[in-house]
Structure formats: structure tokens, C-alpha cells
Amino acid sequence: MRVYTTAKDTMYRLTQTAILEFVDFKQPQETQVCVFVDSSKTFQTIVGIGGAITDAAAETVAKLPVNQQQALIRAYYDREQGIGYTMARISIHSCDFSSDSYAYVQENYINLTSFSIAHDETYRIPFIKKAMQMAGEPLAVLASPWSPPAWMKTNASMLKGGRLLPEYRQSWANYFIKFIHTYENAGIPIWGVTVQNEPMASQMWESCLFTSEEESDFIGNYLGVALHQNGLQDKKVIAWDHNRDLIYQRACAVLNNVNTAQYVWGIGYHWYETWTGSDMLFENLKRVKEAFPATHLIFTEGCIEKFDFNRINEWKLGEVYGHSMINDFNAGACAWLDWNVLLDETGGPNHVGNFCFAPIIADTRSGELHYTSSYYYLGHFSKFVKSNAKRIISASNRDSLQTTAFINSDGSTVVIVLNTTEVEIDYYLCIKDKAATVKSLPRSISTLVINTNDI
């Protein structure tokens, strides 16, 4: 068994720190710290892990020296030298992490004849193509709108909320179709779409309000129908795309409508109402999975807000990710998408000043890349848990160690253990009647990879 570790106050960053052997181990004592793994019990199939390729990320990487551009792409999308991202999220036209606000059609072109993605061809599309080339395969790209074009809305603006006017529901559904076809003609397959980013938030940036009834109606009578009529029924439709706090209410409203539910592949969610707490409302995800076991849960966005360049070395940044990912997967999530893969030294660019952290920060003044702890914590999952892996049982007998586990298609078992305490913890990793003694360093995350012949 190989152990890979990232730990505070050490040089370990996704570093192989041990090769361990299993020995016979029957009944543990009450005083012994243990993590129990059972691969005979399998749960959701993992789609992938990735981050958002926003306009901000694409514009920032273009400002770097060519060697640093290549380093950034390799860091995320190369499985051997990087952390092997397999998914990406993009916005349908602009979002807050764009340098300006824009749409793909001119005003009042209801038939969408002026539709053009020329804006994206400068930065975003080249970034995505380089990422796919580095990954060696197409990414599973999830596309999300922050707002319909201004002329389709009650407030005549892409910003500050407003609602989709009923008379433009069909045009807006057709807009999704145009976007998918145009991006795919440009060589970028679209895996799925969310209906509306954060449909309960009226923000100073691109935003649009959808009640549960409005979202259900739009999916069941417009978007779902349009996808099927245009031969795009394989595209995944994801509802909600907002926080964990109200996820159960929205899931019920959408999935209890038979006409709508036939088109819905999954429910997406963010962490912004809950990420600062120790619980983060993971139980709400479990309630959705219990009530609708065939529905897929997907974490579609999360980041740490209120950027401060002086905080980029804070270890807590990564621990928030580790805590969320372990508990999200244990609650049933099948995919996990971070927010911006890259931002600059201001936490942008952002056309409304909503500056945030990213796992990698580029100082465009010096051309230097800064890898935060978040990057490494994400990598402990994305580098080892492969697409089509299945989650299996992993249980700790002490709350000082958080854990989740997976079995890959090649039969290898991946166990992730998070220690957010200030103390070193020795524990037994127990599988059937075997165990290996493992050392968990203070403020660390470890990935343990067990091949079929290790036990």
C-alpha cells in the first residue's frame, strides 16, 4: 500500500511518504484508533472532479509567460504530473468572473439568428482545448447560465436579479440548444447544463430568479422538450445549482413533478450558505438521496470568498475543501466541481469586484504561480479517484479522523483520511482480517492506494 501525504509545516505536497504492508489483525481493542474499509458495499459511481474555466481564469492564464501557461495546464489536467481533472464548468455567456457583461445575441433577436460565441474564441475556448489536449480526452463540460440576455428579463438587465419573461421561455430554451451546437461545432463537447446558477439569489452581477414552480415549468415544458427535439437528450439536465440549505425543498418541487422529473438527471448545489460551519448541512444531501435514490447529486461550485493576497498560504483554505469533499461524497455526490481554476493577484478579474480565492493564484506582475493548500487537497481526490470509480465504505472510530473511500475500475482501492487536529494520530487501516499501521500527521490529508495484490 502506498501513502501520499500533504501536511502543514512540512515539505509534503501530494508526496509519497510510505509503503506499508498489511498483517493479520482480528478484533481491534477499544483504545485503538481504526479506519475500517469494506469494498463489498458499493454506492454511487463517480463521474469526475474538476473546476470552472471561467473568463477570469482564461484571461489570467493568457497574461502569463508561455512556460507558466503550460505549467498551469499541466498542474490541473495531467494525471501523472498534475492532479488529473476530468471535468470543467463554464458559463453560458458572462458571469461575475468575466471582465465585462455580454451575451451571445444582439438585442431582441428572438429567433437568435445573431448568435455568436466570438467573445469566447479569444481566451476561453483556447484554454479548454489545451486542457483537453493535456488530459488526453474531452473533459465532461458542464455549462451554466448566470442570466438570460437582458431583453428576455423583467428588469431589462442581466444584473441584479429579475426574472425570465414568460413570453421568452421558448427563446431561452432555444438559446441553450444554440449554445450546445455552437460549442460542439467548435470542438468542445457539452456534457450537461444547469438551468440557472443560484436561482434564489438577486446579485449585483449576472443573476436571475427562478421559483421552484418556474424552474419546474421551464424544464418540463421548454428546456427538456427542446433538448429531445434536437437530438440532445443525452445532455444531463441539472436543477437547483444553489446552496445545500434549501436543496431538499427544491429537489422535491422539481422531482415530484412527473413531467419535469423525466428530464432531470441530477440536483446541483453550492456551499456558500453553509461552508463556514462544521456541519455544512451534509444531512440535507442525504435526505435528497434517500428520497430520490436514482437522482444524481453534484457539487457544482464552491470557493473561499473575500480574497486577500496575504492569506494565500493559510492552511485552512485546503482543509475546508477536504472536509467538504469527504462529506459530500459520503452523502452521495457523484461529481465535485470547484469554482475558478485560476485567478490573479487581486482575486479576479471580476467586473463587479466580487473577488475570491482560487486553488492557484497567478501574480501577473511577476509571472509567478502560487499553489495554495486547496490545490493539493483537491488533488488528493482528483489524482487518485478515477472516473467510473464507486464509493465504498470507510468508517473511522474517532471523529479526529474523517474518511471516505472508493474502488477504481482497475480494482485498486483509494482511501482518503483527513486530520484537522494539531496532533499526530497513529491508526490501523483495517480491511477484512488484515490491517496496516498508518501515521496521520497534524493538519494533514493522506490518500492510501491499495492494489489488489497488497492484501
Protein backbone atom coordinates (compact mmCIF):
# COMPACT_ATOMS: atom_id res chain seq x y z
CA MET A 1 0.00 0.00 0.00
CA ARG A 2 1.30 3.44 -0.98
CA VAL A 3 0.61 6.50 1.17
CA TYR A 4 0.57 10.05 -0.26
CA THR A 5 0.54 12.97 2.15
CA THR A 6 0.08 16.73 2.24
CA ALA A 7 0.76 18.24 5.67
CA LYS A 8 1.13 21.65 7.26
CA ASP A 9 4.63 22.71 8.37
CA THR A 10 6.26 20.05 6.17
CA MET A 11 7.51 19.80 2.59
CA TYR A 12 4.92 17.13 1.85
CA ARG A 13 2.67 18.10 -1.05
CA LEU A 14 0.98 15.05 -2.57
CA THR A 15 4.22 13.30 -1.63
CA GLN A 16 4.60 9.53 -1.35
CA THR A 17 5.54 9.18 2.31
CA ALA A 18 5.27 5.44 2.98
CA ILE A 19 4.89 1.97 1.55
CA LEU A 20 3.09 -0.19 4.08
CA GLU A 21 2.24 -3.85 4.39
CA PHE A 22 -0.87 -5.49 5.80
CA VAL A 23 -0.65 -8.06 8.59
CA ASP A 24 -3.22 -10.29 10.25
CA PHE A 25 -5.49 -8.25 12.50
CA LYS A 26 -8.62 -9.67 14.06
CA GLN A 27 -10.59 -7.79 16.71
CA PRO A 28 -9.30 -4.25 17.47
CA GLN A 29 -9.19 -3.04 21.05
CA GLU A 30 -11.43 -0.22 22.20
CA THR A 31 -8.38 2.00 22.72
CA GLN A 32 -7.02 1.50 19.19
CA VAL A 33 -7.79 4.13 16.55
CA CYS A 34 -9.05 2.47 13.37
CA VAL A 35 -10.34 3.24 9.90
CA PHE A 36 -12.45 0.36 8.57
CA VAL A 37 -12.81 -0.18 4.81
CA ASP A 38 -15.31 -2.53 3.17
CA SER A 39 -15.22 -2.75 -0.63
CA SER A 40 -18.09 -5.26 -0.74
CA LYS A 41 -20.55 -2.40 -0.18
CA THR A 42 -20.61 -0.06 -3.18
CA PHE A 43 -22.57 3.14 -3.72
CA GLN A 44 -22.62 5.91 -6.33
CA THR A 45 -20.46 5.83 -9.46
CA ILE A 46 -18.11 8.80 -9.70
CA VAL A 47 -18.41 10.98 -12.81
CA GLY A 48 -15.35 13.13 -12.13
CA ILE A 49 -13.71 16.06 -10.37
CA GLY A 50 -12.72 19.43 -11.81
CA GLY A 51 -13.06 23.19 -11.68
CA ALA A 52 -14.55 26.11 -13.57
CA ILE A 53 -12.80 27.50 -16.62
CA THR A 54 -14.21 31.00 -16.31
CA ASP A 55 -13.39 34.01 -18.44
CA ALA A 56 -11.33 35.24 -15.48
CA ALA A 57 -9.23 32.06 -15.44
CA ALA A 58 -8.72 32.08 -19.20
CA GLU A 59 -7.85 35.78 -19.33
CA THR A 60 -5.42 35.42 -16.43
CA VAL A 61 -3.51 32.46 -17.86
CA ALA A 62 -3.08 34.37 -21.13
CA LYS A 63 -1.17 37.08 -19.23
CA LEU A 64 1.45 34.61 -18.01
CA PRO A 65 4.73 33.64 -19.69
CA VAL A 66 4.28 30.69 -22.05
CA ASN A 67 6.14 28.29 -19.73
CA GLN A 68 3.86 29.20 -16.84
CA GLN A 69 0.79 28.79 -19.02
CA GLN A 70 1.94 25.27 -19.80
CA ALA A 71 2.73 24.62 -16.13
CA LEU A 72 -0.78 25.67 -15.12
CA ILE A 73 -2.46 23.43 -17.69
CA ARG A 74 -0.23 20.51 -16.69
CA ALA A 75 -0.85 21.09 -12.98
CA TYR A 76 -4.58 20.58 -13.40
CA TYR A 77 -5.07 18.21 -16.33
CA ASP A 78 -2.04 15.88 -16.48
CA ARG A 79 -2.80 12.79 -14.37
CA GLU A 80 0.87 11.88 -13.85
CA GLN A 81 2.50 15.29 -13.33
CA GLY A 82 -0.65 17.10 -12.23
CA ILE A 83 -3.89 16.25 -10.43
CA GLY A 84 -5.83 14.85 -13.38
CA TYR A 85 -9.01 16.93 -13.59
CA THR A 86 -11.65 15.29 -15.79
CA MET A 87 -14.45 17.86 -15.56
CA ALA A 88 -14.95 21.58 -16.18
CA ARG A 89 -17.72 24.09 -15.65
CA ILE A 90 -18.23 27.06 -17.94
CA SER A 91 -20.70 29.92 -18.01
CA ILE A 92 -23.19 30.44 -20.82
CA HIS A 93 -22.05 33.98 -21.78
CA SER A 94 -20.84 36.22 -18.93
CA CYS A 95 -20.82 35.80 -15.17
CA ASP A 96 -19.28 37.84 -12.35
CA PHE A 97 -15.88 36.32 -13.16
CA SER A 98 -15.78 37.96 -16.58
CA SER A 99 -14.14 41.28 -17.37
CA ASP A 100 -17.40 42.59 -18.77
CA SER A 101 -21.05 41.68 -19.15
CA TYR A 102 -22.05 40.21 -22.53
CA ALA A 103 -24.46 37.85 -24.28
CA TYR A 104 -24.24 35.79 -27.46
CA VAL A 105 -27.10 37.54 -29.31
CA GLN A 106 -27.94 41.09 -30.21
CA GLU A 107 -30.92 42.70 -28.55
CA ASN A 108 -34.38 41.37 -29.44
CA TYR A 109 -33.18 38.73 -31.89
CA ILE A 110 -35.91 36.38 -30.74
CA ASN A 111 -35.05 33.85 -33.45
CA LEU A 112 -31.38 34.00 -32.31
CA THR A 113 -30.01 34.49 -35.83
CA SER A 114 -27.26 36.76 -34.47
CA PHE A 115 -25.99 34.04 -32.09
CA SER A 116 -22.18 34.06 -31.89
CA ILE A 117 -19.53 32.80 -29.45
CA ALA A 118 -16.83 35.03 -30.95
CA HIS A 119 -16.19 36.51 -27.50
CA ASP A 120 -15.14 33.09 -26.16
CA GLU A 121 -12.76 32.36 -29.03
CA THR A 122 -10.13 34.77 -27.69
CA TYR A 123 -9.43 33.22 -24.30
CA ARG A 124 -11.88 30.62 -23.02
CA ILE A 125 -12.10 28.19 -25.94
CA PRO A 126 -8.30 28.01 -26.43
CA PHE A 127 -7.91 27.28 -22.70
CA ILE A 128 -10.46 24.44 -22.83
CA LYS A 129 -8.82 22.91 -25.90
CA LYS A 130 -5.38 23.00 -24.27
CA ALA A 131 -6.86 21.38 -21.16
CA MET A 132 -8.43 18.60 -23.23
CA GLN A 133 -5.16 18.05 -25.08
CA MET A 134 -3.27 17.77 -21.80
CA ALA A 135 -5.87 15.40 -20.36
CA GLY A 136 -5.73 13.26 -23.50
CA GLU A 137 -9.52 13.17 -23.75
CA PRO A 138 -12.51 15.52 -23.77
CA LEU A 139 -13.48 16.95 -20.40
CA ALA A 140 -17.01 16.49 -19.09
CA VAL A 141 -18.07 20.13 -19.56
CA LEU A 142 -21.00 21.46 -17.54
CA ALA A 143 -22.47 24.74 -18.82
CA SER A 144 -24.43 27.12 -16.58
CA PRO A 145 -26.19 30.43 -17.27
CA TRP A 146 -25.99 33.25 -14.73
CA SER A 147 -28.71 35.19 -16.54
CA PRO A 148 -30.68 35.23 -19.78
CA PRO A 149 -29.98 38.21 -22.09
CA ALA A 150 -31.32 41.49 -20.69
CA TRP A 151 -34.18 41.79 -23.20
CA MET A 152 -35.63 38.46 -22.03
CA LYS A 153 -36.00 39.65 -18.41
CA THR A 154 -38.42 41.61 -16.28
CA ASN A 155 -35.77 44.11 -15.17
CA ALA A 156 -34.24 44.56 -18.67
CA SER A 157 -30.79 43.83 -17.22
CA MET A 158 -28.53 40.80 -16.93
CA LEU A 159 -27.57 42.07 -13.47
CA LYS A 160 -29.41 42.38 -10.16
CA GLY A 161 -31.86 39.50 -10.40
CA GLY A 162 -35.07 39.97 -12.31
CA ARG A 163 -36.96 37.09 -13.88
CA LEU A 164 -37.31 35.41 -17.25
CA LEU A 165 -40.34 36.85 -19.01
CA PRO A 166 -42.87 34.08 -19.79
CA GLU A 167 -43.01 35.03 -23.47
CA TYR A 168 -39.28 34.28 -23.84
CA ARG A 169 -39.20 30.83 -22.24
CA GLN A 170 -39.06 29.12 -25.62
CA SER A 171 -36.40 31.51 -26.94
CA TRP A 172 -34.31 30.91 -23.81
CA ALA A 173 -34.61 27.13 -24.24
CA ASN A 174 -33.56 27.53 -27.87
CA TYR A 175 -30.58 29.58 -26.67
CA PHE A 176 -29.34 26.54 -24.74
CA ILE A 177 -29.62 24.47 -27.92
CA LYS A 178 -27.71 27.07 -29.94
CA PHE A 179 -25.00 27.18 -27.31
CA ILE A 180 -24.53 23.41 -27.22
CA HIS A 181 -24.46 23.05 -31.00
CA THR A 182 -22.10 26.01 -31.47
CA TYR A 183 -19.64 24.85 -28.81
CA GLU A 184 -19.67 21.31 -30.13
CA ASN A 185 -19.07 22.57 -33.66
CA ALA A 186 -16.04 24.37 -32.19
CA GLY A 187 -14.72 21.02 -30.92
CA ILE A 188 -15.88 21.17 -27.29
CA PRO A 189 -18.47 18.54 -26.30
CA ILE A 190 -21.01 19.66 -23.71
CA TRP A 191 -21.73 17.00 -21.06
CA GLY A 192 -24.59 18.77 -19.34
CA VAL A 193 -26.29 22.01 -18.34
CA THR A 194 -27.69 23.52 -15.20
CA VAL A 195 -30.89 25.50 -15.54
CA GLN A 196 -29.83 28.61 -13.63
CA ASN A 197 -26.90 29.46 -11.40
CA GLU A 198 -28.17 30.33 -7.91
CA PRO A 199 -31.85 30.84 -8.79
CA MET A 200 -32.73 32.22 -5.36
CA ALA A 201 -30.10 35.00 -5.30
CA SER A 202 -30.53 38.50 -6.68
CA GLN A 203 -26.90 39.61 -7.04
CA MET A 204 -25.23 42.80 -8.22
CA TRP A 205 -23.73 40.67 -11.01
CA GLU A 206 -25.44 38.44 -13.59
CA SER A 207 -28.35 36.73 -11.88
CA CYS A 208 -31.95 35.67 -12.43
CA LEU A 209 -34.59 34.45 -10.00
CA PHE A 210 -36.49 31.21 -10.54
CA THR A 211 -39.04 29.90 -8.07
CA SER A 212 -39.32 26.13 -7.85
CA GLU A 213 -42.52 26.32 -9.92
CA GLU A 214 -40.83 28.44 -12.58
CA GLU A 215 -37.81 26.16 -12.81
CA SER A 216 -40.00 23.08 -12.96
CA ASP A 217 -42.13 24.60 -15.73
CA PHE A 218 -39.08 25.70 -17.74
CA ILE A 219 -37.52 22.23 -17.59
CA GLY A 220 -40.70 20.24 -18.19
CA ASN A 221 -42.26 22.34 -20.92
CA TYR A 222 -39.34 24.05 -22.65
CA LEU A 223 -35.73 23.02 -21.99
CA GLY A 224 -36.27 19.27 -21.66
CA VAL A 225 -38.52 19.21 -24.71
CA ALA A 226 -36.08 21.28 -26.77
CA LEU A 227 -33.15 19.01 -25.93
CA HIS A 228 -35.09 15.92 -27.01
CA GLN A 229 -36.46 17.51 -30.16
CA ASN A 230 -32.93 18.48 -31.21
CA GLY A 231 -31.31 15.11 -30.59
CA LEU A 232 -29.60 16.27 -27.39
CA GLN A 233 -31.40 14.02 -24.93
CA ASP A 234 -28.04 12.65 -23.77
CA LYS A 235 -27.15 16.00 -22.20
CA LYS A 236 -27.51 15.95 -18.42
CA VAL A 237 -30.02 18.47 -17.05
CA ILE A 238 -29.20 19.58 -13.51
CA ALA A 239 -31.67 21.56 -11.41
CA TRP A 240 -31.18 23.89 -8.43
CA ASP A 241 -27.44 24.75 -8.71
CA HIS A 242 -27.60 26.65 -5.43
CA ASN A 243 -26.82 26.05 -1.75
CA ARG A 244 -27.23 22.98 0.45
CA ASP A 245 -29.64 24.75 2.79
CA LEU A 246 -32.71 24.60 0.52
CA ILE A 247 -31.71 21.63 -1.63
CA TYR A 248 -34.36 19.27 -0.29
CA GLN A 249 -37.22 21.69 -0.89
CA ARG A 250 -36.13 22.36 -4.49
CA ALA A 251 -35.47 18.69 -5.21
CA CYS A 252 -38.98 17.78 -4.05
CA ALA A 253 -40.60 20.55 -6.08
CA VAL A 254 -38.80 19.51 -9.26
CA LEU A 255 -38.72 15.73 -8.92
CA ASN A 256 -42.27 15.27 -7.65
CA ASN A 257 -43.48 16.77 -10.93
CA VAL A 258 -43.57 13.76 -13.25
CA ASN A 259 -43.42 15.86 -16.41
CA THR A 260 -40.31 17.66 -15.16
CA ALA A 261 -38.59 14.72 -13.49
CA GLN A 262 -38.34 12.76 -16.75
CA TYR A 263 -35.77 15.30 -17.99
CA VAL A 264 -33.78 15.84 -14.77
CA TRP A 265 -30.54 13.88 -14.35
CA GLY A 266 -29.41 15.48 -11.11
CA ILE A 267 -29.51 18.19 -8.48
CA GLY A 268 -26.56 20.58 -8.22
CA TYR A 269 -25.53 22.51 -5.16
CA HIS A 270 -23.04 25.04 -3.71
CA TRP A 271 -21.71 25.64 -0.19
CA TYR A 272 -21.98 29.40 0.33
CA GLU A 273 -24.74 29.44 2.95
CA THR A 274 -23.06 26.72 4.97
CA TRP A 275 -19.32 26.35 4.36
CA THR A 276 -18.15 28.26 7.44
CA GLY A 277 -19.86 25.85 9.82
CA SER A 278 -18.56 22.49 10.99
CA ASP A 279 -21.68 20.64 9.82
CA MET A 280 -22.24 22.37 6.46
CA LEU A 281 -25.69 20.70 6.24
CA PHE A 282 -24.46 17.47 4.65
CA GLU A 283 -27.53 15.78 6.12
CA ASN A 284 -29.66 17.69 3.63
CA LEU A 285 -27.88 15.90 0.81
CA LYS A 286 -28.54 12.55 2.43
CA ARG A 287 -32.25 13.36 2.69
CA VAL A 288 -32.37 14.04 -1.06
CA LYS A 289 -30.55 10.79 -1.82
CA GLU A 290 -32.87 8.85 0.49
CA ALA A 291 -35.99 10.34 -1.07
CA PHE A 292 -34.78 10.18 -4.68
CA PRO A 293 -32.12 7.44 -4.87
CA ALA A 294 -31.95 7.47 -8.68
CA THR A 295 -31.17 11.19 -8.78
CA HIS A 296 -27.53 12.25 -9.03
CA LEU A 297 -26.04 14.80 -6.63
CA ILE A 298 -23.30 17.05 -7.97
CA PHE A 299 -21.36 19.78 -6.21
CA THR A 300 -21.26 22.47 -8.90
CA GLU A 301 -19.49 25.38 -7.20
CA GLY A 302 -17.57 26.43 -4.14
CA CYS A 303 -14.76 28.82 -3.29
CA ILE A 304 -13.50 30.84 -0.35
CA GLU A 305 -14.63 34.42 -0.65
CA LYS A 306 -13.17 37.84 0.29
CA PHE A 307 -9.78 37.43 -1.33
CA ASP A 308 -6.69 38.70 0.43
CA PHE A 309 -3.31 38.04 -1.20
CA ASN A 310 -1.74 37.92 2.26
CA ARG A 311 -3.84 34.84 3.08
CA ILE A 312 -2.84 32.60 0.18
CA ASN A 313 -0.60 30.47 2.43
CA GLU A 314 -3.31 29.81 5.04
CA TRP A 315 -3.62 26.07 5.63
CA LYS A 316 -7.31 26.35 6.44
CA LEU A 317 -8.05 27.04 2.77
CA GLY A 318 -7.34 23.43 1.88
CA GLU A 319 -8.95 21.94 4.97
CA VAL A 320 -12.31 23.44 4.03
CA TYR A 321 -12.08 21.59 0.72
CA GLY A 322 -11.05 18.31 2.32
CA HIS A 323 -13.88 18.45 4.86
CA SER A 324 -16.47 19.28 2.22
CA MET A 325 -15.33 16.70 -0.33
CA ILE A 326 -15.21 13.82 2.15
CA ASN A 327 -18.67 14.57 3.48
CA ASP A 328 -20.19 15.39 0.09
CA PHE A 329 -19.03 12.07 -1.37
CA ASN A 330 -20.18 10.19 1.73
CA ALA A 331 -23.59 11.85 1.35
CA GLY A 332 -23.91 10.60 -2.22
CA ALA A 333 -22.29 13.17 -4.54
CA CYS A 334 -21.06 11.68 -7.81
CA ALA A 335 -19.04 14.68 -9.01
CA TRP A 336 -17.31 17.70 -7.48
CA LEU A 337 -16.60 20.97 -9.29
CA ASP A 338 -14.53 23.74 -7.75
CA TRP A 339 -15.05 27.34 -8.85
CA ASN A 340 -12.30 29.28 -10.73
CA VAL A 341 -9.25 27.16 -11.54
CA LEU A 342 -7.11 30.31 -11.63
CA LEU A 343 -7.37 33.95 -10.53
CA ASP A 344 -4.90 36.82 -10.44
CA GLU A 345 -3.26 38.66 -7.55
CA THR A 346 -6.47 40.65 -6.95
CA GLY A 347 -8.74 37.60 -6.78
CA GLY A 348 -10.13 38.50 -10.19
CA PRO A 349 -10.63 39.76 -12.81
CA ASN A 350 -14.22 40.37 -11.84
CA HIS A 351 -16.39 43.11 -13.32
CA VAL A 352 -18.29 43.76 -10.09
CA GLY A 353 -15.49 43.45 -7.52
CA ASN A 354 -16.59 40.07 -6.16
CA PHE A 355 -13.01 38.88 -5.54
CA CYS A 356 -12.36 35.32 -4.33
CA PHE A 357 -9.68 32.70 -3.79
CA ALA A 358 -8.74 30.00 -6.30
CA PRO A 359 -6.54 26.94 -5.70
CA ILE A 360 -3.84 28.53 -7.85
CA ILE A 361 -3.21 32.29 -7.84
CA ALA A 362 -1.23 33.94 -10.62
CA ASP A 363 0.74 37.06 -9.84
CA THR A 364 0.58 38.64 -13.28
CA ARG A 365 3.07 41.30 -12.16
CA SER A 366 5.85 38.74 -11.74
CA GLY A 367 4.51 35.86 -13.82
CA GLU A 368 4.61 33.57 -10.78
CA LEU A 369 2.09 30.87 -9.87
CA HIS A 370 1.16 30.36 -6.20
CA TYR A 371 -0.23 26.94 -5.32
CA THR A 372 -2.46 27.18 -2.25
CA SER A 373 -3.20 24.25 0.06
CA SER A 374 -6.59 23.94 -1.68
CA TYR A 375 -4.87 22.73 -4.86
CA TYR A 376 -3.18 19.86 -3.03
CA TYR A 377 -6.27 18.89 -1.03
CA LEU A 378 -8.28 18.72 -4.26
CA GLY A 379 -5.51 16.63 -5.79
CA HIS A 380 -5.79 14.01 -3.07
CA PHE A 381 -9.14 13.16 -4.64
CA SER A 382 -8.84 14.01 -8.35
CA LYS A 383 -5.43 12.39 -8.90
CA PHE A 384 -6.41 9.01 -7.47
CA VAL A 385 -10.20 8.64 -7.71
CA LYS A 386 -10.83 7.93 -11.38
CA SER A 387 -14.00 8.41 -13.39
CA ASN A 388 -16.31 5.38 -13.01
CA ALA A 389 -14.92 4.58 -9.56
CA LYS A 390 -17.51 3.54 -6.99
CA ARG A 391 -17.66 4.82 -3.45
CA ILE A 392 -17.27 2.14 -0.80
CA ILE A 393 -17.49 2.04 2.98
CA SER A 394 -14.81 3.80 5.00
CA ALA A 395 -15.55 4.43 8.67
CA SER A 396 -13.42 5.92 11.44
CA ASN A 397 -13.89 5.11 15.11
CA ARG A 398 -12.64 8.57 16.12
CA ASP A 399 -14.03 11.91 14.99
CA SER A 400 -10.48 13.26 14.83
CA LEU A 401 -10.10 11.39 11.52
CA GLN A 402 -12.52 11.98 8.65
CA THR A 403 -12.52 9.47 5.81
CA THR A 404 -14.05 8.33 2.53
CA ALA A 405 -13.06 5.56 0.11
CA PHE A 406 -13.50 4.36 -3.47
CA ILE A 407 -12.74 1.38 -5.67
CA ASN A 408 -11.48 2.15 -9.17
CA SER A 409 -12.35 0.15 -12.27
CA ASP A 410 -8.87 -1.45 -12.19
CA GLY A 411 -9.61 -2.89 -8.75
CA SER A 412 -7.41 -0.50 -6.78
CA THR A 413 -8.85 0.88 -3.55
CA VAL A 414 -8.40 4.56 -2.64
CA VAL A 415 -8.86 5.68 0.96
CA ILE A 416 -8.67 9.36 1.92
CA VAL A 417 -8.06 10.37 5.55
CA LEU A 418 -8.26 13.95 6.84
CA ASN A 419 -6.72 15.07 10.15
CA THR A 420 -7.56 18.67 11.10
CA THR A 421 -6.19 18.36 14.64
CA GLU A 422 -2.86 19.61 15.94
CA VAL A 423 -1.70 16.14 16.98
CA GLU A 424 -0.18 13.16 15.21
CA ILE A 425 -2.50 10.16 15.18
CA ASP A 426 -1.42 6.57 14.65
CA TYR A 427 -4.22 4.35 13.40
CA TYR A 428 -4.91 0.96 11.88
CA LEU A 429 -6.32 0.77 8.37
CA CYS A 430 -8.48 -2.35 8.59
CA ILE A 431 -9.69 -4.38 5.62
CA LYS A 432 -11.35 -7.72 6.41
CA ASP A 433 -8.98 -9.52 8.79
CA LYS A 434 -5.90 -7.50 7.81
CA ALA A 435 -4.55 -4.14 8.94
CA ALA A 436 -1.69 -1.75 8.27
CA THR A 437 -0.37 0.78 10.78
CA VAL A 438 -0.57 4.32 9.40
CA LYS A 439 0.69 7.63 10.77
CA SER A 440 -1.54 10.68 10.27
CA LEU A 441 0.41 13.91 10.68
CA PRO A 442 -1.12 17.00 12.31
CA ARG A 443 -3.19 19.16 9.91
CA SER A 444 -2.80 16.69 7.06
CA ILE A 445 -4.63 14.81 4.35
CA SER A 446 -3.48 11.43 3.09
CA THR A 447 -4.50 9.20 0.20
CA LEU A 448 -3.85 5.50 0.62
CA VAL A 449 -3.75 3.43 -2.56
CA ILE A 450 -4.21 -0.32 -2.16
CA ASN A 451 -3.68 -2.57 -5.18
CA THR A 452 -5.39 -5.93 -5.48
CA ASN A 453 -2.22 -7.85 -4.58
CA ASP A 454 -1.45 -5.75 -1.47
CA ILE A 455 -3.73 -7.80 0.77
